[in-house]
């Protein structure tokens, strides 16, 4: 999403995770979780519950 100059925050990532898990795309959800580390964004309690 950075190519669109949109700064994602933890809420944006949590929303992505909810959608991916709901569609049973677990591998993609794990990749998104990995993006948090790359972007230096700390997961919150909601992030952990989503996975």
C-alpha atoms as a PDB file:
ATOM      1  CA  UNK A   1       0.000   0.000   0.000  1.00  0.00           C
ATOM      2  CA  UNK A   2       2.964   2.313   0.322  1.00  0.00           C
ATOM      3  CA  UNK A   3       3.032   2.700  -3.453  1.00  0.00           C
ATOM      4  CA  UNK A   4      -0.232   4.620  -3.062  1.00  0.00           C
ATOM      5  CA  UNK A   5       1.339   6.861  -0.403  1.00  0.00           C
ATOM      6  CA  UNK A   6      -1.048   5.546   2.218  1.00  0.00           C
ATOM      7  CA  UNK A   7       0.437   5.009   5.659  1.00  0.00           C
ATOM      8  CA  UNK A   8      -1.004   1.878   7.218  1.00  0.00           C
ATOM      9  CA  UNK A   9      -1.428   1.682  10.966  1.00  0.00           C
ATOM     10  CA  UNK A  10      -2.216  -1.249  13.225  1.00  0.00           C
ATOM     11  CA  UNK A  11      -5.948  -0.839  12.612  1.00  0.00           C
ATOM     12  CA  UNK A  12      -5.401  -1.139   8.869  1.00  0.00           C
ATOM     13  CA  UNK A  13      -3.386  -4.303   9.345  1.00  0.00           C
ATOM     14  CA  UNK A  14      -5.983  -5.729  11.726  1.00  0.00           C
ATOM     15  CA  UNK A  15      -8.689  -5.129   9.125  1.00  0.00           C
ATOM     16  CA  UNK A  16      -6.625  -6.921   6.496  1.00  0.00           C
ATOM     17  CA  UNK A  17      -6.062  -9.816   8.869  1.00  0.00           C
ATOM     18  CA  UNK A  18      -9.779 -10.120   9.642  1.00  0.00           C
ATOM     19  CA  UNK A  19     -10.580 -10.330   5.938  1.00  0.00           C
ATOM     20  CA  UNK A  20      -7.878 -12.858   5.162  1.00  0.00           C
ATOM     21  CA  UNK A  21      -8.729 -15.123   8.084  1.00  0.00           C
ATOM     22  CA  UNK A  22     -12.445 -14.950   7.249  1.00  0.00           C
ATOM     23  CA  UNK A  23     -11.598 -16.164   3.741  1.00  0.00           C
ATOM     24  CA  UNK A  24      -9.372 -18.880   5.235  1.00  0.00           C
ATOM     25  CA  UNK A  25      -6.257 -17.411   3.620  1.00  0.00           C
ATOM     26  CA  UNK A  26      -4.065 -18.234   6.575  1.00  0.00           C
ATOM     27  CA  UNK A  27      -0.757 -18.170   4.711  1.00  0.00           C
ATOM     28  CA  UNK A  28      -1.464 -14.667   3.443  1.00  0.00           C
ATOM     29  CA  UNK A  29      -2.484 -13.583   6.941  1.00  0.00           C
ATOM     30  CA  UNK A  30       0.856 -14.796   8.274  1.00  0.00           C
ATOM     31  CA  UNK A  31       2.622 -12.804   5.549  1.00  0.00           C
ATOM     32  CA  UNK A  32       0.691  -9.674   6.561  1.00  0.00           C
ATOM     33  CA  UNK A  33       1.675 -10.314  10.166  1.00  0.00           C
ATOM     34  CA  UNK A  34       5.299 -10.412   8.972  1.00  0.00           C
ATOM     35  CA  UNK A  35       4.816  -7.027   7.315  1.00  0.00           C
ATOM     36  CA  UNK A  36       4.210  -5.556  10.758  1.00  0.00           C
ATOM     37  CA  UNK A  37       7.785  -6.374  11.714  1.00  0.00           C
ATOM     38  CA  UNK A  38       9.158  -4.898   8.503  1.00  0.00           C
ATOM     39  CA  UNK A  39       7.166  -1.702   9.034  1.00  0.00           C
ATOM     40  CA  UNK A  40       8.119  -1.528  12.746  1.00  0.00           C
ATOM     41  CA  UNK A  41       4.476  -1.626  13.820  1.00  0.00           C
ATOM     42  CA  UNK A  42       3.771  -3.320  17.139  1.00  0.00           C
ATOM     43  CA  UNK A  43       0.919  -5.832  17.086  1.00  0.00           C
ATOM     44  CA  UNK A  44      -1.766  -5.164  19.655  1.00  0.00           C
ATOM     45  CA  UNK A  45      -4.036  -7.539  21.524  1.00  0.00           C
ATOM     46  CA  UNK A  46      -6.560  -7.442  18.679  1.00  0.00           C
ATOM     47  CA  UNK A  47      -3.894  -8.493  16.196  1.00  0.00           C
ATOM     48  CA  UNK A  48      -3.011 -11.546  18.251  1.00  0.00           C
ATOM     49  CA  UNK A  49      -6.657 -12.521  18.730  1.00  0.00           C
ATOM     50  CA  UNK A  50      -7.263 -12.299  14.982  1.00  0.00           C
ATOM     51  CA  UNK A  51      -4.645 -14.933  14.254  1.00  0.00           C
END
